[in-house]
């Protein structure tokens, strides 16, 4: 059983400091694992979102290249939304 040797109080935050206990390599590694999991999760989310956006843009491009439309339709701001709403799959 470990006993706190000092208590630091700063504003509204209190920190217990453990005396006589040196953290080993494995304890430090275990304390970094949640941070590593968070970073890997965020990277995974970014990669998946980028892939989803690329697929959506590719679908719109395919619709544009295979459809016969007047030139004014290509500059219409709602054209991409129209293509997404009227998919024929």
PDB file of N, CA and C in Angstrom:
ATOM      1  N   UNK A   1       0.842  -1.179   0.000  1.00  0.00           N
ATOM      2  CA  UNK A   1       0.000   0.000   0.000  1.00  0.00           C
ATOM      3  C   UNK A   1       0.883   1.235   0.000  1.00  0.00           C
ATOM      4  N   UNK A   2       0.554   2.206  -0.874  1.00  0.00           N
ATOM      5  CA  UNK A   2       1.331   3.433  -0.953  1.00  0.00           C
ATOM      6  C   UNK A   2       0.603   4.547  -0.211  1.00  0.00           C
ATOM      7  N   UNK A   3       1.360   5.405   0.385  1.00  0.00           N
ATOM      8  CA  UNK A   3       0.796   6.516   1.132  1.00  0.00           C
ATOM      9  C   UNK A   3       1.242   7.805   0.474  1.00  0.00           C
ATOM     10  N   UNK A   4       0.317   8.743   0.304  1.00  0.00           N
ATOM     11  CA  UNK A   4       0.662  10.035  -0.284  1.00  0.00           C
ATOM     12  C   UNK A   4       1.531  10.795   0.695  1.00  0.00           C
ATOM     13  N   UNK A   5       2.676  11.293   0.217  1.00  0.00           N
ATOM     14  CA  UNK A   5       3.589  12.019   1.083  1.00  0.00           C
ATOM     15  C   UNK A   5       3.373  13.512   1.013  1.00  0.00           C
ATOM     16  N   UNK A   6       2.754  14.002  -0.062  1.00  0.00           N
ATOM     17  CA  UNK A   6       2.535  15.438  -0.180  1.00  0.00           C
ATOM     18  C   UNK A   6       1.254  15.682  -0.960  1.00  0.00           C
ATOM     19  N   UNK A   7       0.617  16.753  -0.623  1.00  0.00           N
ATOM     20  CA  UNK A   7      -0.570  17.170  -1.361  1.00  0.00           C
ATOM     21  C   UNK A   7      -0.345  18.614  -1.780  1.00  0.00           C
ATOM     22  N   UNK A   8      -0.379  18.871  -3.092  1.00  0.00           N
ATOM     23  CA  UNK A   8      -0.247  20.229  -3.607  1.00  0.00           C
ATOM     24  C   UNK A   8      -1.631  20.736  -3.979  1.00  0.00           C
ATOM     25  N   UNK A   9      -1.967  21.913  -3.523  1.00  0.00           N
ATOM     26  CA  UNK A   9      -3.255  22.507  -3.865  1.00  0.00           C
ATOM     27  C   UNK A   9      -2.977  23.788  -4.630  1.00  0.00           C
ATOM     28  N   UNK A  10      -3.566  23.860  -5.827  1.00  0.00           N
ATOM     29  CA  UNK A  10      -3.364  25.026  -6.674  1.00  0.00           C
ATOM     30  C   UNK A  10      -4.715  25.465  -7.212  1.00  0.00           C
ATOM     31  N   UNK A  11      -5.267  26.544  -6.708  1.00  0.00           N
ATOM     32  CA  UNK A  11      -6.577  27.008  -7.162  1.00  0.00           C
ATOM     33  C   UNK A  11      -7.648  26.006  -6.782  1.00  0.00           C
ATOM     34  N   UNK A  12      -8.255  25.378  -7.786  1.00  0.00           N
ATOM     35  CA  UNK A  12      -9.305  24.389  -7.533  1.00  0.00           C
ATOM     36  C   UNK A  12      -8.821  22.982  -7.815  1.00  0.00           C
ATOM     37  N   UNK A  13      -7.548  22.801  -7.992  1.00  0.00           N
ATOM     38  CA  UNK A  13      -6.999  21.500  -8.373  1.00  0.00           C
ATOM     39  C   UNK A  13      -6.070  20.987  -7.279  1.00  0.00           C
ATOM     40  N   UNK A  14      -6.256  19.749  -6.870  1.00  0.00           N
ATOM     41  CA  UNK A  14      -5.392  19.129  -5.875  1.00  0.00           C
ATOM     42  C   UNK A  14      -4.675  17.951  -6.517  1.00  0.00           C
ATOM     43  N   UNK A  15      -3.386  17.824  -6.249  1.00  0.00           N
ATOM     44  CA  UNK A  15      -2.584  16.767  -6.840  1.00  0.00           C
ATOM     45  C   UNK A  15      -1.916  15.982  -5.724  1.00  0.00           C
ATOM     46  N   UNK A  16      -2.091  14.672  -5.745  1.00  0.00           N
ATOM     47  CA  UNK A  16      -1.390  13.813  -4.792  1.00  0.00           C
ATOM     48  C   UNK A  16      -0.054  13.409  -5.387  1.00  0.00           C
ATOM     49  N   UNK A  17       0.978  13.493  -4.604  1.00  0.00           N
ATOM     50  CA  UNK A  17       2.302  13.071  -5.043  1.00  0.00           C
ATOM     51  C   UNK A  17       2.695  11.852  -4.237  1.00  0.00           C
ATOM     52  N   UNK A  18       3.000  10.787  -4.938  1.00  0.00           N
ATOM     53  CA  UNK A  18       3.334   9.532  -4.268  1.00  0.00           C
ATOM     54  C   UNK A  18       4.810   9.528  -3.943  1.00  0.00           C
ATOM     55  N   UNK A  19       5.127   9.141  -2.728  1.00  0.00           N
ATOM     56  CA  UNK A  19       6.517   9.125  -2.310  1.00  0.00           C
ATOM     57  C   UNK A  19       7.125   7.748  -2.420  1.00  0.00           C
ATOM     58  N   UNK A  20       8.392   7.695  -2.748  1.00  0.00           N
ATOM     59  CA  UNK A  20       9.134   6.451  -2.758  1.00  0.00           C
ATOM     60  C   UNK A  20       8.809   5.519  -3.909  1.00  0.00           C
ATOM     61  N   UNK A  21       8.001   5.917  -4.838  1.00  0.00           N
ATOM     62  CA  UNK A  21       7.629   5.026  -5.940  1.00  0.00           C
ATOM     63  C   UNK A  21       8.163   5.602  -7.239  1.00  0.00           C
ATOM     64  N   UNK A  22       9.061   4.856  -7.846  1.00  0.00           N
ATOM     65  CA  UNK A  22       9.576   5.282  -9.141  1.00  0.00           C
ATOM     66  C   UNK A  22       8.847   4.499 -10.216  1.00  0.00           C
ATOM     67  N   UNK A  23       8.329   5.219 -11.171  1.00  0.00           N
ATOM     68  CA  UNK A  23       7.605   4.546 -12.233  1.00  0.00           C
ATOM     69  C   UNK A  23       8.598   3.832 -13.140  1.00  0.00           C
ATOM     70  N   UNK A  24       8.290   2.597 -13.430  1.00  0.00           N
ATOM     71  CA  UNK A  24       9.129   1.834 -14.326  1.00  0.00           C
ATOM     72  C   UNK A  24       8.732   2.069 -15.773  1.00  0.00           C
ATOM     73  N   UNK A  25       9.473   1.444 -16.658  1.00  0.00           N
ATOM     74  CA  UNK A  25       9.239   1.573 -18.096  1.00  0.00           C
ATOM     75  C   UNK A  25       7.833   1.118 -18.467  1.00  0.00           C
ATOM     76  N   UNK A  26       7.397  -0.001 -17.913  1.00  0.00           N
ATOM     77  CA  UNK A  26       6.095  -0.560 -18.279  1.00  0.00           C
ATOM     78  C   UNK A  26       4.948   0.315 -17.793  1.00  0.00           C
ATOM     79  N   UNK A  27       5.103   0.939 -16.636  1.00  0.00           N
ATOM     80  CA  UNK A  27       4.069   1.848 -16.135  1.00  0.00           C
ATOM     81  C   UNK A  27       3.955   3.076 -17.025  1.00  0.00           C
ATOM     82  N   UNK A  28       5.087   3.608 -17.458  1.00  0.00           N
ATOM     83  CA  UNK A  28       5.065   4.768 -18.356  1.00  0.00           C
ATOM     84  C   UNK A  28       4.453   4.389 -19.699  1.00  0.00           C
ATOM     85  N   UNK A  29       4.813   3.211 -20.192  1.00  0.00           N
ATOM     86  CA  UNK A  29       4.258   2.749 -21.465  1.00  0.00           C
ATOM     87  C   UNK A  29       2.741   2.568 -21.353  1.00  0.00           C
ATOM     88  N   UNK A  30       2.283   1.996 -20.260  1.00  0.00           N
ATOM     89  CA  UNK A  30       0.850   1.785 -20.056  1.00  0.00           C
ATOM     90  C   UNK A  30       0.102   3.109 -19.946  1.00  0.00           C
ATOM     91  N   UNK A  31       0.738   4.129 -19.420  1.00  0.00           N
ATOM     92  CA  UNK A  31       0.071   5.427 -19.316  1.00  0.00           C
ATOM     93  C   UNK A  31       0.005   6.136 -20.662  1.00  0.00           C
ATOM     94  N   UNK A  32       0.844   5.760 -21.617  1.00  0.00           N
ATOM     95  CA  UNK A  32       0.820   6.365 -22.942  1.00  0.00           C
ATOM     96  C   UNK A  32      -0.111   5.644 -23.912  1.00  0.00           C
ATOM     97  N   UNK A  33      -0.529   4.437 -23.591  1.00  0.00           N
ATOM     98  CA  UNK A  33      -1.385   3.667 -24.497  1.00  0.00           C
ATOM     99  C   UNK A  33      -2.720   4.345 -24.810  1.00  0.00           C
ATOM    100  N   UNK A  34      -3.427   4.934 -23.856  1.00  0.00           N
ATOM    101  CA  UNK A  34      -4.677   5.621 -24.218  1.00  0.00           C
ATOM    102  C   UNK A  34      -4.453   6.777 -25.200  1.00  0.00           C
ATOM    103  N   UNK A  35      -3.376   7.512 -25.010  1.00  0.00           N
ATOM    104  CA  UNK A  35      -3.050   8.606 -25.929  1.00  0.00           C
ATOM    105  C   UNK A  35      -2.751   8.065 -27.322  1.00  0.00           C
ATOM    106  N   UNK A  36      -2.013   6.988 -27.395  1.00  0.00           N
ATOM    107  CA  UNK A  36      -1.705   6.367 -28.681  1.00  0.00           C
ATOM    108  C   UNK A  36      -2.972   5.871 -29.367  1.00  0.00           C
ATOM    109  N   UNK A  37      -3.882   5.265 -28.605  1.00  0.00           N
ATOM    110  CA  UNK A  37      -5.145   4.787 -29.172  1.00  0.00           C
ATOM    111  C   UNK A  37      -5.979   5.956 -29.702  1.00  0.00           C
ATOM    112  N   UNK A  38      -5.992   7.058 -28.995  1.00  0.00           N
ATOM    113  CA  UNK A  38      -6.735   8.237 -29.444  1.00  0.00           C
ATOM    114  C   UNK A  38      -6.170   8.778 -30.749  1.00  0.00           C
ATOM    115  N   UNK A  39      -4.861   8.906 -30.834  1.00  0.00           N
ATOM    116  CA  UNK A  39      -4.221   9.420 -32.048  1.00  0.00           C
ATOM    117  C   UNK A  39      -4.483   8.495 -33.230  1.00  0.00           C
ATOM    118  N   UNK A  40      -4.340   7.193 -33.028  1.00  0.00           N
ATOM    119  CA  UNK A  40      -4.608   6.245 -34.112  1.00  0.00           C
ATOM    120  C   UNK A  40      -6.070   6.287 -34.548  1.00  0.00           C
ATOM    121  N   UNK A  41      -6.981   6.435 -33.614  1.00  0.00           N
ATOM    122  CA  UNK A  41      -8.393   6.548 -33.953  1.00  0.00           C
ATOM    123  C   UNK A  41      -8.688   7.792 -34.775  1.00  0.00           C
ATOM    124  N   UNK A  42      -8.092   8.912 -34.395  1.00  0.00           N
ATOM    125  CA  UNK A  42      -8.303  10.146 -35.148  1.00  0.00           C
ATOM    126  C   UNK A  42      -7.726  10.054 -36.555  1.00  0.00           C
ATOM    127  N   UNK A  43      -6.561   9.445 -36.695  1.00  0.00           N
ATOM    128  CA  UNK A  43      -5.964   9.262 -38.021  1.00  0.00           C
ATOM    129  C   UNK A  43      -6.854   8.377 -38.886  1.00  0.00           C
ATOM    130  N   UNK A  44      -7.398   7.326 -38.302  1.00  0.00           N
ATOM    131  CA  UNK A  44      -8.291   6.425 -39.038  1.00  0.00           C
ATOM    132  C   UNK A  44      -9.536   7.169 -39.517  1.00  0.00           C
ATOM    133  N   UNK A  45     -10.110   7.999 -38.667  1.00  0.00           N
ATOM    134  CA  UNK A  45     -11.298   8.765 -39.048  1.00  0.00           C
ATOM    135  C   UNK A  45     -10.987   9.703 -40.209  1.00  0.00           C
ATOM    136  N   UNK A  46      -9.851  10.381 -40.162  1.00  0.00           N
ATOM    137  CA  UNK A  46      -9.475  11.311 -41.235  1.00  0.00           C
ATOM    138  C   UNK A  46      -9.301  10.568 -42.550  1.00  0.00           C
ATOM    139  N   UNK A  47      -8.631   9.419 -42.520  1.00  0.00           N
ATOM    140  CA  UNK A  47      -8.408   8.650 -43.747  1.00  0.00           C
ATOM    141  C   UNK A  47      -9.730   8.174 -44.331  1.00  0.00           C
ATOM    142  N   UNK A  48     -10.619   7.655 -43.499  1.00  0.00           N
ATOM    143  CA  UNK A  48     -11.907   7.168 -43.984  1.00  0.00           C
ATOM    144  C   UNK A  48     -12.762   8.297 -44.559  1.00  0.00           C
ATOM    145  N   UNK A  49     -12.746   9.460 -43.932  1.00  0.00           N
ATOM    146  CA  UNK A  49     -13.508  10.591 -44.451  1.00  0.00           C
ATOM    147  C   UNK A  49     -12.951  11.063 -45.794  1.00  0.00           C
ATOM    148  N   UNK A  50     -11.635  11.063 -45.938  1.00  0.00           N
ATOM    149  CA  UNK A  50     -11.036  11.448 -47.212  1.00  0.00           C
ATOM    150  C   UNK A  50     -11.435  10.487 -48.320  1.00  0.00           C
ATOM    151  N   UNK A  51     -11.450   9.203 -48.012  1.00  0.00           N
ATOM    152  CA  UNK A  51     -11.858   8.212 -49.011  1.00  0.00           C
ATOM    153  C   UNK A  51     -13.319   8.399 -49.406  1.00  0.00           C
ATOM    154  N   UNK A  52     -14.173   8.687 -48.427  1.00  0.00           N
ATOM    155  CA  UNK A  52     -15.588   8.901 -48.708  1.00  0.00           C
ATOM    156  C   UNK A  52     -15.784  10.119 -49.603  1.00  0.00           C
ATOM    157  N   UNK A  53     -15.088  11.207 -49.305  1.00  0.00           N
ATOM    158  CA  UNK A  53     -15.193  12.406 -50.139  1.00  0.00           C
ATOM    159  C   UNK A  53     -14.699  12.138 -51.551  1.00  0.00           C
ATOM    160  N   UNK A  54     -13.603  11.394 -51.674  1.00  0.00           N
ATOM    161  CA  UNK A  54     -13.068  11.078 -53.003  1.00  0.00           C
ATOM    162  C   UNK A  54     -14.064  10.255 -53.812  1.00  0.00           C
ATOM    163  N   UNK A  55     -14.737   9.317 -53.162  1.00  0.00           N
ATOM    164  CA  UNK A  55     -15.755   8.520 -53.867  1.00  0.00           C
ATOM    165  C   UNK A  55     -16.920   9.377 -54.333  1.00  0.00           C
ATOM    166  N   UNK A  56     -17.368  10.292 -53.466  1.00  0.00           N
ATOM    167  CA  UNK A  56     -18.471  11.170 -53.833  1.00  0.00           C
ATOM    168  C   UNK A  56     -18.103  12.050 -55.024  1.00  0.00           C
ATOM    169  N   UNK A  57     -16.903  12.608 -55.013  1.00  0.00           N
ATOM    170  CA  UNK A  57     -16.454  13.446 -56.126  1.00  0.00           C
ATOM    171  C   UNK A  57     -16.329  12.620 -57.400  1.00  0.00           C
ATOM    172  N   UNK A  58     -15.843  11.394 -57.287  1.00  0.00           N
ATOM    173  CA  UNK A  58     -15.716  10.525 -58.454  1.00  0.00           C
ATOM    174  C   UNK A  58     -17.083  10.201 -59.042  1.00  0.00           C
ATOM    175  N   UNK A  59     -18.078   9.986 -58.189  1.00  0.00           N
ATOM    176  CA  UNK A  59     -19.427   9.707 -58.681  1.00  0.00           C
ATOM    177  C   UNK A  59     -20.004  10.905 -59.429  1.00  0.00           C
ATOM    178  N   UNK A  60     -19.798  12.103 -58.887  1.00  0.00           N
ATOM    179  CA  UNK A  60     -20.285  13.309 -59.553  1.00  0.00           C
ATOM    180  C   UNK A  60     -19.569  13.490 -60.884  1.00  0.00           C
ATOM    181  N   UNK A  61     -18.265  13.274 -60.912  1.00  0.00           N
ATOM    182  CA  UNK A  61     -17.505  13.391 -62.163  1.00  0.00           C
ATOM    183  C   UNK A  61     -17.995  12.386 -63.201  1.00  0.00           C
ATOM    184  N   UNK A  62     -18.276  11.171 -62.767  1.00  0.00           N
ATOM    185  CA  UNK A  62     -18.772  10.154 -63.698  1.00  0.00           C
ATOM    186  C   UNK A  62     -20.125  10.565 -64.271  1.00  0.00           C
ATOM    187  N   UNK A  63     -20.987  11.119 -63.434  1.00  0.00           N
ATOM    188  CA  UNK A  63     -22.285  11.599 -63.918  1.00  0.00           C
ATOM    189  C   UNK A  63     -22.102  12.721 -64.928  1.00  0.00           C
ATOM    190  N   UNK A  64     -21.189  13.632 -64.631  1.00  0.00           N
ATOM    191  CA  UNK A  64     -20.956  14.751 -65.543  1.00  0.00           C
ATOM    192  C   UNK A  64     -20.432  14.282 -66.897  1.00  0.00           C
ATOM    193  N   UNK A  65     -19.544  13.304 -66.876  1.00  0.00           N
ATOM    194  CA  UNK A  65     -18.918  12.859 -68.116  1.00  0.00           C
ATOM    195  C   UNK A  65     -19.826  11.964 -68.956  1.00  0.00           C
ATOM    196  N   UNK A  66     -20.802  11.328 -68.356  1.00  0.00           N
ATOM    197  CA  UNK A  66     -21.641  10.400 -69.113  1.00  0.00           C
ATOM    198  C   UNK A  66     -23.003  10.968 -69.485  1.00  0.00           C
ATOM    199  N   UNK A  67     -23.328  12.148 -69.008  1.00  0.00           N
ATOM    200  CA  UNK A  67     -24.639  12.726 -69.270  1.00  0.00           C
ATOM    201  C   UNK A  67     -24.532  13.840 -70.309  1.00  0.00           C
ATOM    202  N   UNK A  68     -25.548  13.984 -71.114  1.00  0.00           N
ATOM    203  CA  UNK A  68     -25.597  15.077 -72.082  1.00  0.00           C
ATOM    204  C   UNK A  68     -26.430  16.198 -71.491  1.00  0.00           C
ATOM    205  N   UNK A  69     -25.772  17.302 -71.181  1.00  0.00           N
ATOM    206  CA  UNK A  69     -26.438  18.439 -70.566  1.00  0.00           C
ATOM    207  C   UNK A  69     -26.002  19.721 -71.261  1.00  0.00           C
ATOM    208  N   UNK A  70     -26.831  20.757 -71.169  1.00  0.00           N
ATOM    209  CA  UNK A  70     -26.389  22.045 -71.709  1.00  0.00           C
ATOM    210  C   UNK A  70     -25.245  22.601 -70.854  1.00  0.00           C
ATOM    211  N   UNK A  71     -24.366  23.409 -71.434  1.00  0.00           N
ATOM    212  CA  UNK A  71     -23.232  23.958 -70.675  1.00  0.00           C
ATOM    213  C   UNK A  71     -23.646  24.748 -69.432  1.00  0.00           C
ATOM    214  N   UNK A  72     -24.799  25.358 -69.443  1.00  0.00           N
ATOM    215  CA  UNK A  72     -25.214  26.144 -68.275  1.00  0.00           C
ATOM    216  C   UNK A  72     -25.475  25.269 -67.048  1.00  0.00           C
ATOM    217  N   UNK A  73     -25.775  23.998 -67.253  1.00  0.00           N
ATOM    218  CA  UNK A  73     -26.039  23.107 -66.123  1.00  0.00           C
ATOM    219  C   UNK A  73     -24.782  22.858 -65.296  1.00  0.00           C
ATOM    220  N   UNK A  74     -23.625  22.899 -65.940  1.00  0.00           N
ATOM    221  CA  UNK A  74     -22.383  22.607 -65.224  1.00  0.00           C
ATOM    222  C   UNK A  74     -21.997  23.706 -64.243  1.00  0.00           C
ATOM    223  N   UNK A  75     -22.447  24.925 -64.461  1.00  0.00           N
ATOM    224  CA  UNK A  75     -22.085  26.028 -63.569  1.00  0.00           C
ATOM    225  C   UNK A  75     -23.150  26.285 -62.513  1.00  0.00           C
ATOM    226  N   UNK A  76     -24.232  25.561 -62.557  1.00  0.00           N
ATOM    227  CA  UNK A  76     -25.303  25.717 -61.577  1.00  0.00           C
ATOM    228  C   UNK A  76     -24.829  25.214 -60.219  1.00  0.00           C
ATOM    229  N   UNK A  77     -24.929  26.028 -59.138  1.00  0.00           N
ATOM    230  CA  UNK A  77     -24.451  25.593 -57.817  1.00  0.00           C
ATOM    231  C   UNK A  77     -25.182  24.368 -57.270  1.00  0.00           C
ATOM    232  N   UNK A  78     -26.408  24.142 -57.643  1.00  0.00           N
ATOM    233  CA  UNK A  78     -27.160  23.014 -57.119  1.00  0.00           C
ATOM    234  C   UNK A  78     -27.046  21.761 -57.958  1.00  0.00           C
ATOM    235  N   UNK A  79     -26.195  21.784 -58.957  1.00  0.00           N
ATOM    236  CA  UNK A  79     -26.096  20.653 -59.869  1.00  0.00           C
ATOM    237  C   UNK A  79     -25.570  19.391 -59.187  1.00  0.00           C
ATOM    238  N   UNK A  80     -24.559  19.535 -58.357  1.00  0.00           N
ATOM    239  CA  UNK A  80     -24.004  18.366 -57.649  1.00  0.00           C
ATOM    240  C   UNK A  80     -25.059  17.760 -56.724  1.00  0.00           C
ATOM    241  N   UNK A  81     -25.825  18.608 -56.070  1.00  0.00           N
ATOM    242  CA  UNK A  81     -26.894  18.118 -55.192  1.00  0.00           C
ATOM    243  C   UNK A  81     -27.967  17.405 -56.016  1.00  0.00           C
ATOM    244  N   UNK A  82     -28.275  17.943 -57.163  1.00  0.00           N
ATOM    245  CA  UNK A  82     -29.252  17.317 -58.059  1.00  0.00           C
ATOM    246  C   UNK A  82     -28.787  15.912 -58.478  1.00  0.00           C
ATOM    247  N   UNK A  83     -27.487  15.805 -58.796  1.00  0.00           N
ATOM    248  CA  UNK A  83     -26.964  14.503 -59.196  1.00  0.00           C
ATOM    249  C   UNK A  83     -27.056  13.483 -58.057  1.00  0.00           C
ATOM    250  N   UNK A  84     -26.748  13.929 -56.845  1.00  0.00           N
ATOM    251  CA  UNK A  84     -26.809  13.020 -55.701  1.00  0.00           C
ATOM    252  C   UNK A  84     -28.251  12.581 -55.431  1.00  0.00           C
ATOM    253  N   UNK A  85     -29.203  13.490 -55.618  1.00  0.00           N
ATOM    254  CA  UNK A  85     -30.606  13.179 -55.324  1.00  0.00           C
ATOM    255  C   UNK A  85     -31.226  12.281 -56.382  1.00  0.00           C
ATOM    256  N   UNK A  86     -30.726  12.313 -57.600  1.00  0.00           N
ATOM    257  CA  UNK A  86     -31.319  11.563 -58.705  1.00  0.00           C
ATOM    258  C   UNK A  86     -30.418  10.441 -59.208  1.00  0.00           C
ATOM    259  N   UNK A  87     -29.729   9.774 -58.305  1.00  0.00           N
ATOM    260  CA  UNK A  87     -28.885   8.635 -58.713  1.00  0.00           C
ATOM    261  C   UNK A  87     -29.761   7.519 -59.243  1.00  0.00           C
ATOM    262  N   UNK A  88     -29.276   6.864 -60.289  1.00  0.00           N
ATOM    263  CA  UNK A  88     -29.992   5.703 -60.852  1.00  0.00           C
ATOM    264  C   UNK A  88     -29.134   4.469 -60.628  1.00  0.00           C
ATOM    265  N   UNK A  89     -29.209   3.912 -59.438  1.00  0.00           N
ATOM    266  CA  UNK A  89     -28.407   2.700 -59.111  1.00  0.00           C
ATOM    267  C   UNK A  89     -29.300   1.517 -59.038  1.00  0.00           C
TER     268      UNK A  89
END
